[in-house]
Amino acid sequence: MAYRKLLVPVIGTAAGEAALATAFMAARIWQAHVHGLHVRIDPRDVAPLAGEGLSGAMIEEMMAATERESAERAKSVQEMFARYIAEHGIPAVSDPAAAFSAGRMTASFGTVVGREEDVIAQQARLADLVVIAHPEAGDDVSTSDALHAVLFDSGRPVMVTPKTAPATLGTRITVAWNGTAESAAAVAAALPWLERAEAVRVLHADEYQRRGPDAAGLIEYLAWHGIKAESAQFKPLNGSVGAGLLASSAEFGADLQVMGAYSHSRLRQLILGGVTRHVLEHAMLTLLMCR
C-alpha cells in the first residue's frame, strides 16, 4: 500500500470538484483513505482589514456576516462531499482501524477554522499525498496561496489537478528531470506510480538541466526499481522551457507529469517567470510535484 491517506482541500468550486474526483480516482488505485478538509475563515481575521473610521458596531457586524457566510459555505461543501461519497458508494470512516478492516477506499470530512494556507500545509504533513485544485480556481483566489504553502511548508508530495477531472491517471507518465534535489524528491514520491505505469518517459533539455545527475543516470536509477523508462530530449517552445515540457508530455499522451517545483526561488519566478510558474498556469494534465 504505497499511499494510505490522501488529503484534499474541499473548496466548493468547479476546480475543487475536479480535485475531489481526482483524489478519489487516486484513492481507488491504492485502496486508500481520502480526508476532505474544509477551512473556514476566522471572523477575527476580518477585523484588521476593516480599516480606520469604522465603529466597533460596524466591525462586529462585518465579523458576524463573515461568520454567517463561512458557516453557509462550510455546510454547502460538506453536503457536496457527502453527496459524492454516497453516489459512489464510498464508506464514511474516521477510524484508521475501521478503514483497514474495510479493505477498500474510504473517506472522511473535517472542518477547521483558521488561515487556509497555514491549516492545509500543517495538516498535509500527516498525509501521504495532497491533492489540490488547479491554482486558477475561479473565484477562489486563495487556492494559489494554499498550493504554494503546501509545496513549501508541508514536506509532502502534491498532486495538482487540471481544471476538469482526468479520464485516466498514472498510465502514461513523463518525468521532467533536471538533476536538482527537487526533481529527485518528486521521482522518489512518484515511484509507486512509475512502477505501475504502462509507459514512462524522462524529459530533459540542456536549457533545463542544472548541476546534478543527467537523464541517463535517472534511467539507470529507475531500472534498479524495475522501471523501464525511455528518454527524450525536448526543446523550449517559443523560448519557454515550461511550454516545451507541457508540449512533450502532450505528445507522449501523458496523464501524469512528475516534476520538482521551484528550483529557483518563488520570488524570482514571480518576477522573471520560470518553468514551475508556466507549468502551473498552463498544465492541462495532472502534476505530481515536490519542493
C-alpha atoms as a PDB file:
ATOM      1  CA  MET A   1       0.000   0.000   0.000  1.00  0.00           C
ATOM      2  CA  ALA A   2       2.070   2.917  -1.278  1.00  0.00           C
ATOM      3  CA  TYR A   3      -0.446   5.566  -0.237  1.00  0.00           C
ATOM      4  CA  ARG A   4      -2.772   5.093   2.701  1.00  0.00           C
ATOM      5  CA  LYS A   5      -4.008   8.622   3.428  1.00  0.00           C
ATOM      6  CA  LEU A   6      -4.768  11.341   0.895  1.00  0.00           C
ATOM      7  CA  LEU A   7      -5.683  14.885   1.888  1.00  0.00           C
ATOM      8  CA  VAL A   8      -7.841  17.013  -0.389  1.00  0.00           C
ATOM      9  CA  PRO A   9      -8.914  20.574   0.450  1.00  0.00           C
ATOM     10  CA  VAL A  10     -12.627  20.872  -0.333  1.00  0.00           C
ATOM     11  CA  ILE A  11     -13.328  24.354  -1.687  1.00  0.00           C
ATOM     12  CA  GLY A  12     -16.651  24.062  -3.488  1.00  0.00           C
ATOM     13  CA  THR A  13     -15.582  25.461  -6.891  1.00  0.00           C
ATOM     14  CA  ALA A  14     -15.578  23.653 -10.235  1.00  0.00           C
ATOM     15  CA  ALA A  15     -11.808  23.194  -9.990  1.00  0.00           C
ATOM     16  CA  GLY A  16     -12.266  21.977  -6.427  1.00  0.00           C
ATOM     17  CA  GLU A  17     -14.760  19.340  -7.567  1.00  0.00           C
ATOM     18  CA  ALA A  18     -12.249  18.195 -10.205  1.00  0.00           C
ATOM     19  CA  ALA A  19      -9.636  17.862  -7.462  1.00  0.00           C
ATOM     20  CA  LEU A  20     -12.057  15.838  -5.349  1.00  0.00           C
ATOM     21  CA  ALA A  21     -12.806  13.470  -8.244  1.00  0.00           C
ATOM     22  CA  THR A  22      -9.079  13.091  -8.954  1.00  0.00           C
ATOM     23  CA  ALA A  23      -8.340  12.373  -5.293  1.00  0.00           C
ATOM     24  CA  PHE A  24     -10.868   9.534  -5.274  1.00  0.00           C
ATOM     25  CA  MET A  25      -9.505   8.269  -8.600  1.00  0.00           C
ATOM     26  CA  ALA A  26      -6.067   8.021  -6.967  1.00  0.00           C
ATOM     27  CA  ALA A  27      -7.511   6.511  -3.794  1.00  0.00           C
ATOM     28  CA  ARG A  28      -9.304   3.838  -5.785  1.00  0.00           C
ATOM     29  CA  ILE A  29      -5.992   2.784  -7.345  1.00  0.00           C
ATOM     30  CA  TRP A  30      -4.292   2.433  -3.954  1.00  0.00           C
ATOM     31  CA  GLN A  31      -7.363   1.472  -1.887  1.00  0.00           C
ATOM     32  CA  ALA A  32      -6.552   4.487   0.248  1.00  0.00           C
ATOM     33  CA  HIS A  33      -8.416   6.829   2.583  1.00  0.00           C
ATOM     34  CA  VAL A  34      -9.390  10.322   1.443  1.00  0.00           C
ATOM     35  CA  HIS A  35      -9.763  13.019   4.072  1.00  0.00           C
ATOM     36  CA  GLY A  36     -11.645  16.051   2.801  1.00  0.00           C
ATOM     37  CA  LEU A  37     -10.645  19.207   4.645  1.00  0.00           C
ATOM     38  CA  HIS A  38     -12.529  22.488   4.547  1.00  0.00           C
ATOM     39  CA  VAL A  39     -11.000  25.563   6.176  1.00  0.00           C
ATOM     40  CA  ARG A  40     -13.425  28.175   7.486  1.00  0.00           C
ATOM     41  CA  ILE A  41     -12.425  31.803   7.712  1.00  0.00           C
ATOM     42  CA  ASP A  42     -11.849  33.025  11.255  1.00  0.00           C
ATOM     43  CA  PRO A  43     -14.053  36.144  11.644  1.00  0.00           C
ATOM     44  CA  ARG A  44     -11.372  37.688  13.855  1.00  0.00           C
ATOM     45  CA  ASP A  45      -9.110  37.862  10.801  1.00  0.00           C
ATOM     46  CA  VAL A  46     -11.540  40.318   9.222  1.00  0.00           C
ATOM     47  CA  ALA A  47     -11.150  42.980  11.906  1.00  0.00           C
ATOM     48  CA  PRO A  48      -7.614  44.128  10.964  1.00  0.00           C
ATOM     49  CA  LEU A  49      -8.783  44.501   7.348  1.00  0.00           C
ATOM     50  CA  ALA A  50     -11.733  46.690   8.232  1.00  0.00           C
ATOM     51  CA  GLY A  51      -9.688  49.893   8.155  1.00  0.00           C
ATOM     52  CA  GLU A  52      -9.948  53.078  10.125  1.00  0.00           C
ATOM     53  CA  GLY A  53     -13.101  55.071  10.569  1.00  0.00           C
ATOM     54  CA  LEU A  54     -15.365  52.144  11.328  1.00  0.00           C
ATOM     55  CA  SER A  55     -17.157  51.913  14.641  1.00  0.00           C
ATOM     56  CA  GLY A  56     -16.929  48.895  16.881  1.00  0.00           C
ATOM     57  CA  ALA A  57     -20.523  48.024  15.998  1.00  0.00           C
ATOM     58  CA  MET A  58     -19.733  48.096  12.267  1.00  0.00           C
ATOM     59  CA  ILE A  59     -16.721  45.830  12.731  1.00  0.00           C
ATOM     60  CA  GLU A  60     -18.796  43.422  14.820  1.00  0.00           C
ATOM     61  CA  GLU A  61     -21.424  43.332  12.073  1.00  0.00           C
ATOM     62  CA  MET A  62     -18.737  42.577   9.487  1.00  0.00           C
ATOM     63  CA  MET A  63     -17.437  39.763  11.643  1.00  0.00           C
ATOM     64  CA  ALA A  64     -20.954  38.381  12.123  1.00  0.00           C
ATOM     65  CA  ALA A  65     -21.596  38.495   8.354  1.00  0.00           C
ATOM     66  CA  THR A  66     -18.304  36.720   7.727  1.00  0.00           C
ATOM     67  CA  GLU A  67     -19.246  34.039  10.242  1.00  0.00           C
ATOM     68  CA  ARG A  68     -22.637  33.502   8.564  1.00  0.00           C
ATOM     69  CA  GLU A  69     -21.127  33.260   5.080  1.00  0.00           C
ATOM     70  CA  SER A  70     -18.387  30.944   6.330  1.00  0.00           C
ATOM     71  CA  ALA A  71     -20.921  28.661   8.018  1.00  0.00           C
ATOM     72  CA  GLU A  72     -23.104  28.526   4.907  1.00  0.00           C
ATOM     73  CA  ARG A  73     -20.154  27.686   2.693  1.00  0.00           C
ATOM     74  CA  ALA A  74     -18.898  25.012   5.090  1.00  0.00           C
ATOM     75  CA  LYS A  75     -22.353  23.418   5.120  1.00  0.00           C
ATOM     76  CA  SER A  76     -22.501  23.525   1.323  1.00  0.00           C
ATOM     77  CA  VAL A  77     -19.114  21.852   0.743  1.00  0.00           C
ATOM     78  CA  GLN A  78     -19.777  19.224   3.409  1.00  0.00           C
ATOM     79  CA  GLU A  79     -23.061  18.356   1.731  1.00  0.00           C
ATOM     80  CA  MET A  80     -21.284  18.168  -1.621  1.00  0.00           C
ATOM     81  CA  PHE A  81     -18.653  15.826  -0.185  1.00  0.00           C
ATOM     82  CA  ALA A  82     -21.295  13.647   1.480  1.00  0.00           C
ATOM     83  CA  ARG A  83     -23.306  13.526  -1.723  1.00  0.00           C
ATOM     84  CA  TYR A  84     -20.234  12.495  -3.741  1.00  0.00           C
ATOM     85  CA  ILE A  85     -19.279   9.582  -1.497  1.00  0.00           C
ATOM     86  CA  ALA A  86     -22.907   8.447  -1.249  1.00  0.00           C
ATOM     87  CA  GLU A  87     -23.317   8.436  -5.033  1.00  0.00           C
ATOM     88  CA  HIS A  88     -20.111   6.406  -5.442  1.00  0.00           C
ATOM     89  CA  GLY A  89     -20.741   4.031  -2.560  1.00  0.00           C
ATOM     90  CA  ILE A  90     -17.650   5.119  -0.596  1.00  0.00           C
ATOM     91  CA  PRO A  91     -17.828   4.303   3.138  1.00  0.00           C
ATOM     92  CA  ALA A  92     -17.501   7.243   5.527  1.00  0.00           C
ATOM     93  CA  VAL A  93     -14.897   6.138   8.065  1.00  0.00           C
ATOM     94  CA  SER A  94     -12.873   8.212  10.513  1.00  0.00           C
ATOM     95  CA  ASP A  95     -11.093   5.471  12.467  1.00  0.00           C
ATOM     96  CA  PRO A  96      -7.907   4.062  10.851  1.00  0.00           C
ATOM     97  CA  ALA A  97      -8.614   0.552  12.155  1.00  0.00           C
ATOM     98  CA  ALA A  98     -12.064   0.624  10.582  1.00  0.00           C
ATOM     99  CA  ALA A  99     -10.574   1.876   7.319  1.00  0.00           C
ATOM    100  CA  PHE A 100      -8.094  -1.007   7.271  1.00  0.00           C
ATOM    101  CA  SER A 101     -10.780  -3.557   8.058  1.00  0.00           C
ATOM    102  CA  ALA A 102     -12.932  -2.169   5.243  1.00  0.00           C
ATOM    103  CA  GLY A 103     -10.231  -3.265   2.814  1.00  0.00           C
ATOM    104  CA  ARG A 104     -11.277  -0.637   0.293  1.00  0.00           C
ATOM    105  CA  MET A 105     -11.292   3.071  -0.424  1.00  0.00           C
ATOM    106  CA  THR A 106     -12.811   5.092   2.427  1.00  0.00           C
ATOM    107  CA  ALA A 107     -13.453   8.758   3.187  1.00  0.00           C
ATOM    108  CA  SER A 108     -13.831  11.273   5.984  1.00  0.00           C
ATOM    109  CA  PHE A 109     -14.505  15.000   6.244  1.00  0.00           C
ATOM    110  CA  GLY A 110     -13.375  17.676   8.654  1.00  0.00           C
ATOM    111  CA  THR A 111     -13.731  21.434   9.098  1.00  0.00           C
ATOM    112  CA  VAL A 112     -11.108  23.641  10.732  1.00  0.00           C
ATOM    113  CA  VAL A 113     -11.221  27.378  11.429  1.00  0.00           C
ATOM    114  CA  GLY A 114      -8.120  29.360  10.509  1.00  0.00           C
ATOM    115  CA  ARG A 115      -5.977  30.668   7.672  1.00  0.00           C
ATOM    116  CA  GLU A 116      -6.424  28.278   4.764  1.00  0.00           C
ATOM    117  CA  GLU A 117      -2.792  28.171   3.637  1.00  0.00           C
ATOM    118  CA  ASP A 118      -1.483  27.594   7.169  1.00  0.00           C
ATOM    119  CA  VAL A 119      -4.010  24.921   8.114  1.00  0.00           C
ATOM    120  CA  ILE A 120      -3.664  22.934   4.897  1.00  0.00           C
ATOM    121  CA  ALA A 121       0.143  22.980   4.956  1.00  0.00           C
ATOM    122  CA  GLN A 122       0.167  21.791   8.568  1.00  0.00           C
ATOM    123  CA  GLN A 123      -2.481  19.092   8.082  1.00  0.00           C
ATOM    124  CA  ALA A 124      -0.691  17.908   4.941  1.00  0.00           C
ATOM    125  CA  ARG A 125       2.364  16.879   6.955  1.00  0.00           C
ATOM    126  CA  LEU A 126       0.447  13.807   8.102  1.00  0.00           C
ATOM    127  CA  ALA A 127      -0.795  12.747   4.673  1.00  0.00           C
ATOM    128  CA  ASP A 128       0.929  10.563   2.089  1.00  0.00           C
ATOM    129  CA  LEU A 129      -0.257  12.744  -0.775  1.00  0.00           C
ATOM    130  CA  VAL A 130      -2.020  16.091  -1.013  1.00  0.00           C
ATOM    131  CA  VAL A 131      -4.423  16.552  -3.916  1.00  0.00           C
ATOM    132  CA  ILE A 132      -5.103  20.203  -4.600  1.00  0.00           C
ATOM    133  CA  ALA A 133      -7.078  22.118  -7.189  1.00  0.00           C
ATOM    134  CA  HIS A 134      -5.602  23.956 -10.139  1.00  0.00           C
ATOM    135  CA  PRO A 135      -4.389  27.387  -8.961  1.00  0.00           C
ATOM    136  CA  GLU A 136      -6.699  29.144 -11.407  1.00  0.00           C
ATOM    137  CA  ALA A 137      -9.725  28.031  -9.422  1.00  0.00           C
ATOM    138  CA  GLY A 138     -12.337  30.534 -10.490  1.00  0.00           C
ATOM    139  CA  ASP A 139     -13.420  32.843  -7.704  1.00  0.00           C
ATOM    140  CA  ASP A 140     -11.429  31.003  -5.041  1.00  0.00           C
ATOM    141  CA  VAL A 141      -8.278  33.121  -5.303  1.00  0.00           C
ATOM    142  CA  SER A 142      -6.852  31.732  -2.052  1.00  0.00           C
ATOM    143  CA  THR A 143      -6.256  28.352  -3.684  1.00  0.00           C
ATOM    144  CA  SER A 144      -2.962  29.510  -5.170  1.00  0.00           C
ATOM    145  CA  ASP A 145      -1.719  30.541  -1.727  1.00  0.00           C
ATOM    146  CA  ALA A 146      -2.739  27.157  -0.354  1.00  0.00           C
ATOM    147  CA  LEU A 147      -0.912  25.367  -3.158  1.00  0.00           C
ATOM    148  CA  HIS A 148       2.315  27.233  -2.570  1.00  0.00           C
ATOM    149  CA  ALA A 149       2.042  26.808   1.196  1.00  0.00           C
ATOM    150  CA  VAL A 150       1.734  23.044   0.757  1.00  0.00           C
ATOM    151  CA  LEU A 151       4.645  22.932  -1.698  1.00  0.00           C
ATOM    152  CA  PHE A 152       6.946  24.956   0.544  1.00  0.00           C
ATOM    153  CA  ASP A 153       5.822  24.082   4.075  1.00  0.00           C
ATOM    154  CA  SER A 154       4.405  20.550   4.182  1.00  0.00           C
ATOM    155  CA  GLY A 155       7.333  18.405   3.070  1.00  0.00           C
ATOM    156  CA  ARG A 156       4.848  16.167   1.256  1.00  0.00           C
ATOM    157  CA  PRO A 157       4.240  15.389  -2.434  1.00  0.00           C
ATOM    158  CA  VAL A 158       1.497  17.470  -4.040  1.00  0.00           C
ATOM    159  CA  MET A 159      -0.808  16.368  -6.840  1.00  0.00           C
ATOM    160  CA  VAL A 160      -2.109  19.387  -8.740  1.00  0.00           C
ATOM    161  CA  THR A 161      -5.206  18.527 -10.720  1.00  0.00           C
ATOM    162  CA  PRO A 162      -6.383  20.017 -14.031  1.00  0.00           C
ATOM    163  CA  LYS A 163      -9.481  22.191 -14.188  1.00  0.00           C
ATOM    164  CA  THR A 164     -11.559  19.176 -15.173  1.00  0.00           C
ATOM    165  CA  ALA A 165     -11.189  15.654 -13.800  1.00  0.00           C
ATOM    166  CA  PRO A 166      -8.948  13.446 -15.977  1.00  0.00           C
ATOM    167  CA  ALA A 167     -10.176  10.293 -17.679  1.00  0.00           C
ATOM    168  CA  THR A 168      -7.109   8.293 -16.582  1.00  0.00           C
ATOM    169  CA  LEU A 169      -4.358   8.773 -14.028  1.00  0.00           C
ATOM    170  CA  GLY A 170      -0.829   7.409 -13.952  1.00  0.00           C
ATOM    171  CA  THR A 171      -0.985   5.138 -17.009  1.00  0.00           C
ATOM    172  CA  ARG A 172       1.492   7.140 -19.121  1.00  0.00           C
ATOM    173  CA  ILE A 173       3.912   9.258 -17.095  1.00  0.00           C
ATOM    174  CA  THR A 174       6.501  11.847 -18.010  1.00  0.00           C
ATOM    175  CA  VAL A 175       9.271  12.834 -15.612  1.00  0.00           C
ATOM    176  CA  ALA A 176      10.663  16.355 -16.007  1.00  0.00           C
ATOM    177  CA  TRP A 177      14.274  15.825 -14.984  1.00  0.00           C
ATOM    178  CA  ASN A 178      16.935  18.483 -14.399  1.00  0.00           C
ATOM    179  CA  GLY A 179      19.186  16.871 -11.799  1.00  0.00           C
ATOM    180  CA  THR A 180      18.047  19.005  -8.849  1.00  0.00           C
ATOM    181  CA  ALA A 181      17.141  17.885  -5.343  1.00  0.00           C
ATOM    182  CA  GLU A 182      13.557  18.958  -6.052  1.00  0.00           C
ATOM    183  CA  SER A 183      13.270  16.721  -9.112  1.00  0.00           C
ATOM    184  CA  ALA A 184      14.861  13.838  -7.170  1.00  0.00           C
ATOM    185  CA  ALA A 185      12.282  14.270  -4.392  1.00  0.00           C
ATOM    186  CA  ALA A 186       9.496  14.218  -6.975  1.00  0.00           C
ATOM    187  CA  VAL A 187      10.819  10.986  -8.504  1.00  0.00           C
ATOM    188  CA  ALA A 188      11.037   9.348  -5.067  1.00  0.00           C
ATOM    189  CA  ALA A 189       7.461  10.346  -4.271  1.00  0.00           C
ATOM    190  CA  ALA A 190       6.283   9.096  -7.656  1.00  0.00           C
ATOM    191  CA  LEU A 191       7.950   5.666  -7.551  1.00  0.00           C
ATOM    192  CA  PRO A 192       4.689   3.810  -6.796  1.00  0.00           C
ATOM    193  CA  TRP A 193       3.072   5.476  -9.812  1.00  0.00           C
ATOM    194  CA  LEU A 194       6.086   4.831 -12.020  1.00  0.00           C
ATOM    195  CA  GLU A 195       6.179   1.157 -11.052  1.00  0.00           C
ATOM    196  CA  ARG A 196       2.580   0.592 -12.185  1.00  0.00           C
ATOM    197  CA  ALA A 197       2.623   2.833 -15.289  1.00  0.00           C
ATOM    198  CA  GLU A 198       2.249   1.371 -18.763  1.00  0.00           C
ATOM    199  CA  ALA A 199       4.898   3.735 -20.135  1.00  0.00           C
ATOM    200  CA  VAL A 200       7.409   6.188 -18.635  1.00  0.00           C
ATOM    201  CA  ARG A 201       9.372   8.864 -20.470  1.00  0.00           C
ATOM    202  CA  VAL A 202      12.109  11.032 -18.937  1.00  0.00           C
ATOM    203  CA  LEU A 203      12.091  14.534 -20.430  1.00  0.00           C
ATOM    204  CA  HIS A 204      15.316  16.540 -20.406  1.00  0.00           C
ATOM    205  CA  ALA A 205      16.864  19.538 -22.124  1.00  0.00           C
ATOM    206  CA  ASP A 206      20.145  21.432 -21.996  1.00  0.00           C
ATOM    207  CA  GLU A 207      18.216  24.591 -21.111  1.00  0.00           C
ATOM    208  CA  TYR A 208      16.504  22.807 -18.203  1.00  0.00           C
ATOM    209  CA  GLN A 209      19.430  20.833 -16.748  1.00  0.00           C
ATOM    210  CA  ARG A 210      21.059  22.054 -13.528  1.00  0.00           C
ATOM    211  CA  ARG A 211      24.102  20.756 -11.675  1.00  0.00           C
ATOM    212  CA  GLY A 212      23.406  17.127 -10.852  1.00  0.00           C
ATOM    213  CA  PRO A 213      22.828  13.701 -12.424  1.00  0.00           C
ATOM    214  CA  ASP A 214      21.688  13.685 -16.035  1.00  0.00           C
ATOM    215  CA  ALA A 215      18.770  11.844 -17.620  1.00  0.00           C
ATOM    216  CA  ALA A 216      20.869   8.737 -18.312  1.00  0.00           C
ATOM    217  CA  GLY A 217      21.592   8.482 -14.598  1.00  0.00           C
ATOM    218  CA  LEU A 218      17.879   8.655 -13.810  1.00  0.00           C
ATOM    219  CA  ILE A 219      17.094   5.959 -16.386  1.00  0.00           C
ATOM    220  CA  GLU A 220      19.607   3.673 -14.649  1.00  0.00           C
ATOM    221  CA  TYR A 221      18.244   4.530 -11.195  1.00  0.00           C
ATOM    222  CA  LEU A 222      14.698   3.682 -12.297  1.00  0.00           C
ATOM    223  CA  ALA A 223      15.963   0.375 -13.681  1.00  0.00           C
ATOM    224  CA  TRP A 224      17.068  -0.566 -10.156  1.00  0.00           C
ATOM    225  CA  HIS A 225      13.390  -0.298  -9.234  1.00  0.00           C
ATOM    226  CA  GLY A 226      12.339  -2.471 -12.151  1.00  0.00           C
ATOM    227  CA  ILE A 227      11.017   0.533 -14.061  1.00  0.00           C
ATOM    228  CA  LYS A 228      11.749   0.608 -17.772  1.00  0.00           C
ATOM    229  CA  ALA A 229      11.830   4.222 -18.920  1.00  0.00           C
ATOM    230  CA  GLU A 230      12.747   5.856 -22.185  1.00  0.00           C
ATOM    231  CA  SER A 231      14.491   9.190 -22.565  1.00  0.00           C
ATOM    232  CA  ALA A 232      13.518  12.109 -24.781  1.00  0.00           C
ATOM    233  CA  GLN A 233      15.128  15.488 -25.236  1.00  0.00           C
ATOM    234  CA  PHE A 234      12.703  18.352 -25.629  1.00  0.00           C
ATOM    235  CA  LYS A 235      13.137  21.878 -26.901  1.00  0.00           C
ATOM    236  CA  PRO A 236      11.768  25.083 -25.393  1.00  0.00           C
ATOM    237  CA  LEU A 237       8.649  26.275 -27.189  1.00  0.00           C
ATOM    238  CA  ASN A 238       8.709  29.954 -28.126  1.00  0.00           C
ATOM    239  CA  GLY A 239      11.615  30.367 -25.724  1.00  0.00           C
ATOM    240  CA  SER A 240       9.725  28.761 -22.819  1.00  0.00           C
ATOM    241  CA  VAL A 241      11.096  25.615 -21.172  1.00  0.00           C
ATOM    242  CA  GLY A 242       7.790  25.106 -19.363  1.00  0.00           C
ATOM    243  CA  ALA A 243       5.850  25.226 -22.628  1.00  0.00           C
ATOM    244  CA  GLY A 244       8.295  22.749 -24.144  1.00  0.00           C
ATOM    245  CA  LEU A 245       7.765  20.369 -21.224  1.00  0.00           C
ATOM    246  CA  LEU A 246       3.990  20.505 -21.490  1.00  0.00           C
ATOM    247  CA  ALA A 247       4.087  20.049 -25.261  1.00  0.00           C
ATOM    248  CA  SER A 248       6.339  16.997 -24.864  1.00  0.00           C
ATOM    249  CA  SER A 249       4.011  15.489 -22.255  1.00  0.00           C
ATOM    250  CA  ALA A 250       1.049  16.070 -24.556  1.00  0.00           C
ATOM    251  CA  GLU A 251       2.882  14.468 -27.476  1.00  0.00           C
ATOM    252  CA  PHE A 252       3.571  11.388 -25.308  1.00  0.00           C
ATOM    253  CA  GLY A 253      -0.089  11.213 -24.296  1.00  0.00           C
ATOM    254  CA  ALA A 254       0.843  11.528 -20.615  1.00  0.00           C
ATOM    255  CA  ASP A 255      -1.853  11.651 -17.965  1.00  0.00           C
ATOM    256  CA  LEU A 256       0.641  12.468 -15.179  1.00  0.00           C
ATOM    257  CA  GLN A 257       3.727  14.684 -15.213  1.00  0.00           C
ATOM    258  CA  VAL A 258       6.234  14.339 -12.365  1.00  0.00           C
ATOM    259  CA  MET A 259       8.498  17.290 -11.617  1.00  0.00           C
ATOM    260  CA  GLY A 260      10.302  19.237  -8.943  1.00  0.00           C
ATOM    261  CA  ALA A 261       8.941  22.666  -8.067  1.00  0.00           C
ATOM    262  CA  TYR A 262      10.775  25.957  -7.760  1.00  0.00           C
ATOM    263  CA  SER A 263      14.419  25.041  -8.185  1.00  0.00           C
ATOM    264  CA  HIS A 264      14.766  28.823  -8.305  1.00  0.00           C
ATOM    265  CA  SER A 265      13.032  30.895  -5.637  1.00  0.00           C
ATOM    266  CA  ARG A 266       9.342  31.572  -5.993  1.00  0.00           C
ATOM    267  CA  LEU A 267      10.035  35.331  -5.874  1.00  0.00           C
ATOM    268  CA  ARG A 268      12.386  35.062  -8.826  1.00  0.00           C
ATOM    269  CA  GLN A 269       9.795  33.107 -10.764  1.00  0.00           C
ATOM    270  CA  LEU A 270       7.073  35.638  -9.947  1.00  0.00           C
ATOM    271  CA  ILE A 271       9.262  38.472 -11.216  1.00  0.00           C
ATOM    272  CA  LEU A 272      11.053  36.841 -14.136  1.00  0.00           C
ATOM    273  CA  GLY A 273       8.836  33.877 -14.908  1.00  0.00           C
ATOM    274  CA  GLY A 274      10.012  30.296 -14.674  1.00  0.00           C
ATOM    275  CA  VAL A 275       9.350  26.674 -15.523  1.00  0.00           C
ATOM    276  CA  THR A 276       7.242  25.900 -12.438  1.00  0.00           C
ATOM    277  CA  ARG A 277       5.155  29.026 -12.833  1.00  0.00           C
ATOM    278  CA  HIS A 278       4.444  28.334 -16.505  1.00  0.00           C
ATOM    279  CA  VAL A 279       3.546  24.695 -15.890  1.00  0.00           C
ATOM    280  CA  LEU A 280       1.212  25.550 -13.003  1.00  0.00           C
ATOM    281  CA  GLU A 281      -0.544  28.212 -15.052  1.00  0.00           C
ATOM    282  CA  HIS A 282      -0.928  26.217 -18.265  1.00  0.00           C
ATOM    283  CA  ALA A 283      -0.970  22.489 -17.438  1.00  0.00           C
ATOM    284  CA  MET A 284      -3.893  20.524 -18.853  1.00  0.00           C
ATOM    285  CA  LEU A 285      -2.820  17.282 -17.191  1.00  0.00           C
ATOM    286  CA  THR A 286      -2.307  16.153 -13.606  1.00  0.00           C
ATOM    287  CA  LEU A 287       1.002  17.109 -11.994  1.00  0.00           C
ATOM    288  CA  LEU A 288       2.889  15.410  -9.178  1.00  0.00           C
ATOM    289  CA  MET A 289       5.262  17.934  -7.619  1.00  0.00           C
ATOM    290  CA  CYS A 290       7.722  18.196  -4.750  1.00  0.00           C
ATOM    291  CA  ARG A 291       9.724  21.107  -3.419  1.00  0.00           C
END
